[in-house]
Amino acid sequence: MLNHSITVKAAIAAITLSILWGGNTPAIKIALEGVPPLALAGVRFIMGALTVLVWVLWSRIPLKPNRKERQLLFFLLLLFVLQIYTLHAGTDFTLAAHAGVFVLTAPLFVTLLAHFFLPGDRLNTYKLAGLALSFAGIVVIFAEGFMTSATDFLIGDAIVILSGFLLGARQVFTKTLTQSIHPARLLFWQATLSVPVFFILSYLFEDLDSIYLDTGIVLSIVYQGVVVAGLCFIFWTLLLHRYNASRLSVFGFVSPIAGVVISHFLLGEPITNALIIGGMLVAAGIAVVNFRGVEQTPTGTAP
């Protein structure tokens, strides 16, 4: 299993993707004003699947999965549908900034699950300290808001925390799968198989007569589909294939900060003075988790 140490280029790529992901929850919040959660997920991943298909065709990658791959894809599909639905449904009941921070508890779950399920990706002092610093930064940024309004959004917050756990589990499972299944084939079938599931569930449980579209909603859906579900998924899966999952996932702590800024400009949600302190703690956490000290092995793989 590939577990290379994080390079400067990989770190820049991970931070860029995390910033783009920071815009996902504000985009979801905008789109939910006109489209219910399951229907939104279906439309989003039609775009995502088409984006991945361009990559597949360009690279001439065979799409047909074998029997073993079909079984693995089934379990990935279950995780994927549950994680995306809980993210959309939870965001509908809370603020975009709240959703952004809670879904990004995923790196904590990745690090914990990787310790048990990914060889060579064990917890150590640096990882625990770095994760603690990064999480403390997030707590600082949102502490005042949670103290005054957490009870108003408790249900939505809890659902998004569940989504964060499922996202962490999905990233660990994806890391395992990309060692035997080409990332492009994995992403294409993940998105494609989820679309009919989302639409069937939407037809059964949602009021589709209430759907309406305007420019902002359409742009937010395109952003979620092409940028996040397409391009971000492609590049993040490629990074997961090559680099240590728990060290890579800690860059996800950048996303809540980006989400706060984007939510401020798009939705009018406030930016507090705690953002500066929290940002410094997040950056410190990233540096500590990726510390290349005496624990690094001679081959450059994670301990």
Protein backbone atom coordinates (compact mmCIF):
# COMPACT_ATOMS: atom_id res chain seq x y z
CA MET A 1 0.00 0.00 0.00
CA LEU A 2 1.41 3.40 -1.01
CA ASN A 3 2.01 5.68 1.98
CA HIS A 4 4.50 8.30 0.78
CA SER A 5 5.28 11.29 2.96
CA ILE A 6 3.50 14.54 2.09
CA THR A 7 5.53 16.67 -0.35
CA VAL A 8 5.26 20.45 -0.80
CA LYS A 9 3.31 20.00 -4.05
CA ALA A 10 0.96 17.51 -2.41
CA ALA A 11 0.43 19.90 0.51
CA ILE A 12 -0.40 22.79 -1.83
CA ALA A 13 -2.82 20.57 -3.76
CA ALA A 14 -4.48 19.39 -0.54
CA ILE A 15 -4.88 22.96 0.75
CA THR A 16 -6.34 24.14 -2.57
CA LEU A 17 -8.85 21.28 -2.59
CA SER A 18 -9.73 22.01 1.03
CA ILE A 19 -10.44 25.66 0.19
CA LEU A 20 -12.70 24.60 -2.67
CA TRP A 21 -14.46 22.17 -0.33
CA GLY A 22 -14.94 25.06 2.07
CA GLY A 23 -17.33 26.54 -0.46
CA ASN A 24 -19.38 23.35 -0.61
CA THR A 25 -21.61 23.86 2.44
CA PRO A 26 -22.48 27.49 1.51
CA ALA A 27 -23.29 26.24 -2.00
CA ILE A 28 -25.46 23.47 -0.55
CA LYS A 29 -27.24 25.98 1.68
CA ILE A 30 -28.03 28.20 -1.33
CA ALA A 31 -29.21 25.28 -3.47
CA LEU A 32 -31.46 23.92 -0.72
CA GLU A 33 -33.54 27.09 -1.00
CA GLY A 34 -34.97 25.67 -4.22
CA VAL A 35 -34.13 21.93 -4.34
CA PRO A 36 -34.70 19.29 -1.60
CA PRO A 37 -31.65 17.35 -0.27
CA LEU A 38 -31.99 14.01 -2.11
CA ALA A 39 -32.89 15.57 -5.45
CA LEU A 40 -29.99 17.99 -5.06
CA ALA A 41 -27.61 15.09 -4.46
CA GLY A 42 -28.86 13.31 -7.57
CA VAL A 43 -28.35 16.34 -9.83
CA ARG A 44 -25.00 17.08 -8.24
CA PHE A 45 -23.60 13.63 -8.93
CA ILE A 46 -24.88 13.48 -12.49
CA MET A 47 -22.51 16.39 -13.08
CA GLY A 48 -19.81 14.73 -11.01
CA ALA A 49 -20.08 11.46 -12.96
CA LEU A 50 -19.89 13.29 -16.30
CA THR A 51 -16.81 15.19 -15.13
CA VAL A 52 -15.10 11.95 -14.08
CA LEU A 53 -16.15 10.33 -17.36
CA VAL A 54 -14.14 12.97 -19.27
CA TRP A 55 -11.08 11.92 -17.26
CA VAL A 56 -11.81 8.22 -17.91
CA LEU A 57 -12.18 8.69 -21.66
CA TRP A 58 -9.14 10.95 -21.90
CA SER A 59 -7.00 8.41 -20.03
CA ARG A 60 -8.56 5.41 -21.82
CA ILE A 61 -9.29 3.67 -18.56
CA PRO A 62 -11.52 0.56 -18.73
CA LEU A 63 -14.73 1.04 -16.80
CA LYS A 64 -16.06 -2.51 -16.41
CA PRO A 65 -15.58 -3.74 -12.82
CA ASN A 66 -14.92 -7.41 -12.08
CA ARG A 67 -16.99 -9.44 -9.62
CA LYS A 68 -14.83 -8.63 -6.61
CA GLU A 69 -14.83 -4.93 -7.46
CA ARG A 70 -18.64 -4.94 -7.75
CA GLN A 71 -18.94 -6.25 -4.20
CA LEU A 72 -16.56 -3.60 -2.86
CA LEU A 73 -18.34 -0.86 -4.83
CA PHE A 74 -21.65 -1.88 -3.25
CA PHE A 75 -20.34 -1.24 0.27
CA LEU A 76 -18.74 2.03 -0.86
CA LEU A 77 -22.07 3.08 -2.38
CA LEU A 78 -23.86 2.54 0.94
CA LEU A 79 -21.31 4.70 2.75
CA PHE A 80 -21.40 7.32 0.01
CA VAL A 81 -25.21 7.70 -0.14
CA LEU A 82 -25.53 7.89 3.64
CA GLN A 83 -22.70 10.42 3.96
CA ILE A 84 -23.97 12.74 1.23
CA TYR A 85 -27.58 12.57 2.42
CA THR A 86 -26.67 13.35 6.04
CA LEU A 87 -24.54 16.28 4.86
CA HIS A 88 -27.36 17.75 2.76
CA ALA A 89 -30.11 17.05 5.29
CA GLY A 90 -28.05 18.31 8.23
CA THR A 91 -27.05 21.51 6.41
CA ASP A 92 -30.75 22.18 5.79
CA PHE A 93 -31.29 22.34 9.59
CA THR A 94 -28.25 24.40 10.58
CA LEU A 95 -25.99 27.23 9.42
CA ALA A 96 -23.53 26.71 6.56
CA ALA A 97 -20.66 27.62 8.91
CA HIS A 98 -21.81 25.04 11.46
CA ALA A 99 -22.09 22.38 8.73
CA GLY A 100 -18.63 23.31 7.45
CA VAL A 101 -16.96 22.77 10.80
CA PHE A 102 -18.83 19.63 11.81
CA VAL A 103 -18.39 17.72 8.56
CA LEU A 104 -14.69 18.51 8.83
CA THR A 105 -14.46 16.39 11.95
CA ALA A 106 -13.75 13.74 9.29
CA PRO A 107 -9.93 14.04 9.67
CA LEU A 108 -10.28 13.04 13.32
CA PHE A 109 -12.22 9.94 12.33
CA VAL A 110 -9.80 9.18 9.46
CA THR A 111 -6.85 9.24 11.84
CA LEU A 112 -8.58 7.03 14.38
CA LEU A 113 -9.92 4.53 11.81
CA ALA A 114 -6.64 4.46 9.87
CA HIS A 115 -4.87 3.34 13.03
CA PHE A 116 -6.96 0.14 12.99
CA PHE A 117 -7.54 -0.47 9.28
CA LEU A 118 -4.57 0.92 7.30
CA PRO A 119 -1.15 -0.73 7.75
CA GLY A 120 1.64 1.78 8.35
CA ASP A 121 -0.77 4.57 9.34
CA ARG A 122 -0.62 4.43 13.12
CA LEU A 123 -1.35 7.08 15.71
CA ASN A 124 1.66 8.76 17.24
CA THR A 125 2.41 11.75 19.42
CA TYR A 126 2.76 14.16 16.49
CA LYS A 127 -0.57 13.18 14.92
CA LEU A 128 -2.45 13.44 18.20
CA ALA A 129 -0.89 16.79 19.07
CA GLY A 130 -1.46 18.21 15.57
CA LEU A 131 -5.06 17.10 15.47
CA ALA A 132 -5.63 18.58 18.92
CA LEU A 133 -4.18 21.93 17.80
CA SER A 134 -6.24 22.01 14.61
CA PHE A 135 -9.42 21.05 16.37
CA ALA A 136 -8.74 23.65 19.06
CA GLY A 137 -8.49 26.24 16.28
CA ILE A 138 -11.91 25.28 15.01
CA VAL A 139 -13.35 25.43 18.54
CA VAL A 140 -11.91 28.92 19.01
CA ILE A 141 -13.42 30.14 15.73
CA PHE A 142 -16.92 28.90 16.51
CA ALA A 143 -17.05 28.99 20.33
CA GLU A 144 -19.01 32.24 20.66
CA GLY A 145 -21.58 31.22 18.08
CA PHE A 146 -22.11 27.80 19.61
CA MET A 147 -22.54 29.25 23.10
CA THR A 148 -25.40 31.46 21.94
CA SER A 149 -27.15 29.44 19.24
CA ALA A 150 -26.19 25.77 19.43
CA THR A 151 -29.62 24.74 20.76
CA ASP A 152 -31.32 26.30 17.73
CA PHE A 153 -29.38 24.04 15.36
CA LEU A 154 -28.79 20.97 17.55
CA ILE A 155 -30.51 18.44 15.25
CA GLY A 156 -28.74 19.70 12.13
CA ASP A 157 -25.39 19.81 13.93
CA ALA A 158 -25.77 16.21 15.12
CA ILE A 159 -26.68 14.98 11.63
CA VAL A 160 -23.65 16.72 10.09
CA ILE A 161 -21.34 15.24 12.75
CA LEU A 162 -22.64 11.83 11.66
CA SER A 163 -21.81 12.84 8.09
CA GLY A 164 -18.29 13.71 9.24
CA PHE A 165 -17.86 10.23 10.69
CA LEU A 166 -19.18 8.60 7.53
CA LEU A 167 -16.87 10.79 5.41
CA GLY A 168 -13.89 9.67 7.51
CA ALA A 169 -14.90 6.02 7.13
CA ARG A 170 -15.38 6.50 3.38
CA GLN A 171 -11.92 8.05 2.97
CA VAL A 172 -10.28 5.13 4.79
CA PHE A 173 -12.24 2.63 2.68
CA THR A 174 -11.36 4.58 -0.49
CA LYS A 175 -7.67 4.46 0.45
CA THR A 176 -7.95 0.67 0.62
CA LEU A 177 -9.90 0.34 -2.63
CA THR A 178 -7.59 2.53 -4.70
CA GLN A 179 -4.80 0.01 -4.15
CA SER A 180 -6.70 -2.53 -6.29
CA ILE A 181 -9.23 -0.45 -8.27
CA HIS A 182 -8.19 2.39 -10.55
CA PRO A 183 -9.26 5.69 -8.92
CA ALA A 184 -11.09 6.84 -12.06
CA ARG A 185 -13.18 3.66 -12.23
CA LEU A 186 -13.88 3.90 -8.52
CA LEU A 187 -15.07 7.51 -8.71
CA PHE A 188 -17.14 7.00 -11.84
CA TRP A 189 -19.13 4.09 -10.43
CA GLN A 190 -19.44 5.72 -7.02
CA ALA A 191 -21.10 8.76 -8.56
CA THR A 192 -23.03 6.94 -11.28
CA LEU A 193 -24.55 4.25 -9.06
CA SER A 194 -25.59 6.80 -6.46
CA VAL A 195 -27.67 8.90 -8.89
CA PRO A 196 -30.65 6.53 -9.32
CA VAL A 197 -30.62 5.84 -5.56
CA PHE A 198 -30.89 9.55 -4.76
CA PHE A 199 -33.63 10.13 -7.33
CA ILE A 200 -35.72 7.13 -6.24
CA LEU A 201 -35.51 8.17 -2.60
CA SER A 202 -36.32 11.76 -3.57
CA TYR A 203 -39.40 10.64 -5.51
CA LEU A 204 -40.60 8.61 -2.52
CA PHE A 205 -39.90 11.04 0.31
CA GLU A 206 -39.61 14.61 -1.02
CA ASP A 207 -42.00 17.22 -2.39
CA LEU A 208 -40.71 17.71 -5.91
CA ASP A 209 -43.48 20.19 -6.79
CA SER A 210 -41.75 22.76 -4.59
CA ILE A 211 -38.56 22.83 -6.72
CA TYR A 212 -37.65 26.20 -8.23
CA LEU A 213 -34.47 27.54 -9.80
CA ASP A 214 -32.79 30.90 -10.16
CA THR A 215 -29.28 31.95 -11.21
CA GLY A 216 -27.76 31.59 -7.74
CA ILE A 217 -29.23 28.14 -7.20
CA VAL A 218 -28.10 26.91 -10.63
CA LEU A 219 -24.56 28.23 -10.13
CA SER A 220 -24.35 26.65 -6.69
CA ILE A 221 -25.45 23.29 -8.12
CA VAL A 222 -22.88 23.50 -10.92
CA TYR A 223 -20.17 24.31 -8.36
CA GLN A 224 -21.14 21.31 -6.23
CA GLY A 225 -21.35 19.00 -9.25
CA VAL A 226 -18.44 19.95 -11.50
CA VAL A 227 -15.94 21.44 -9.03
CA VAL A 228 -16.59 19.50 -5.82
CA ALA A 229 -18.16 16.18 -6.89
CA GLY A 230 -16.05 16.09 -10.06
CA LEU A 231 -12.66 17.79 -9.96
CA CYS A 232 -12.12 17.78 -6.19
CA PHE A 233 -13.09 14.12 -5.91
CA ILE A 234 -10.70 13.21 -8.75
CA PHE A 235 -7.66 14.98 -7.33
CA TRP A 236 -8.35 13.98 -3.73
CA THR A 237 -8.67 10.32 -4.70
CA LEU A 238 -5.37 10.51 -6.56
CA LEU A 239 -3.73 11.99 -3.46
CA LEU A 240 -5.27 9.28 -1.25
CA HIS A 241 -3.89 6.64 -3.61
CA ARG A 242 -0.32 7.87 -3.13
CA TYR A 243 -0.04 9.53 0.29
CA ASN A 244 -0.59 8.68 3.95
CA ALA A 245 -4.34 9.01 4.59
CA SER A 246 -4.30 10.45 8.11
CA ARG A 247 -1.57 13.01 7.38
CA LEU A 248 -3.30 14.02 4.16
CA SER A 249 -6.72 14.33 5.76
CA VAL A 250 -5.56 16.87 8.34
CA PHE A 251 -5.43 19.49 5.56
CA GLY A 252 -9.20 19.28 5.66
CA PHE A 253 -9.06 21.55 8.71
CA VAL A 254 -8.43 24.42 6.27
CA SER A 255 -11.95 23.95 4.86
CA PRO A 256 -13.92 25.40 7.82
CA ILE A 257 -11.88 28.60 7.68
CA ALA A 258 -12.50 28.92 3.96
CA GLY A 259 -16.14 28.10 4.60
CA VAL A 260 -16.48 30.91 7.15
CA VAL A 261 -15.08 33.46 4.71
CA ILE A 262 -17.18 32.22 1.80
CA SER A 263 -20.31 32.03 3.98
CA HIS A 264 -19.71 35.63 5.05
CA PHE A 265 -19.64 36.94 1.49
CA LEU A 266 -22.40 34.73 0.08
CA LEU A 267 -24.77 34.36 3.03
CA GLY A 268 -23.89 37.26 5.30
CA GLU A 269 -22.71 35.02 8.15
CA PRO A 270 -20.32 36.90 10.49
CA ILE A 271 -16.52 36.64 10.69
CA THR A 272 -15.27 36.94 14.28
CA ASN A 273 -11.91 38.12 15.59
CA ALA A 274 -11.32 34.55 16.76
CA LEU A 275 -10.76 33.58 13.11
CA ILE A 276 -7.15 34.83 13.20
CA ILE A 277 -6.26 32.86 16.34
CA GLY A 278 -8.08 29.81 15.09
CA GLY A 279 -6.32 30.00 11.74
CA MET A 280 -2.92 30.08 13.44
CA LEU A 281 -3.82 27.02 15.49
CA VAL A 282 -4.99 25.16 12.39
CA ALA A 283 -1.74 25.96 10.56
CA ALA A 284 0.29 24.85 13.59
CA GLY A 285 -1.65 21.59 13.71
CA ILE A 286 -0.93 20.88 10.05
CA ALA A 287 2.79 21.50 10.62
CA VAL A 288 2.92 19.19 13.65
CA VAL A 289 1.01 16.33 12.02
CA ASN A 290 3.38 16.42 9.05
CA PHE A 291 6.52 16.70 11.18
CA ARG A 292 9.32 14.61 9.61
CA GLY A 293 11.30 13.72 12.63
CA VAL A 294 13.03 10.61 13.86
CA GLU A 295 9.90 8.54 13.33
CA GLN A 296 10.23 8.67 9.51
CA THR A 297 11.32 5.40 7.94
CA PRO A 298 14.27 5.22 5.53
CA THR A 299 11.95 4.62 2.57
CA GLY A 300 10.03 7.81 3.20
CA THR A 301 6.79 6.06 4.09
CA ALA A 302 4.72 6.85 7.15
CA PRO A 303 5.50 4.98 10.40
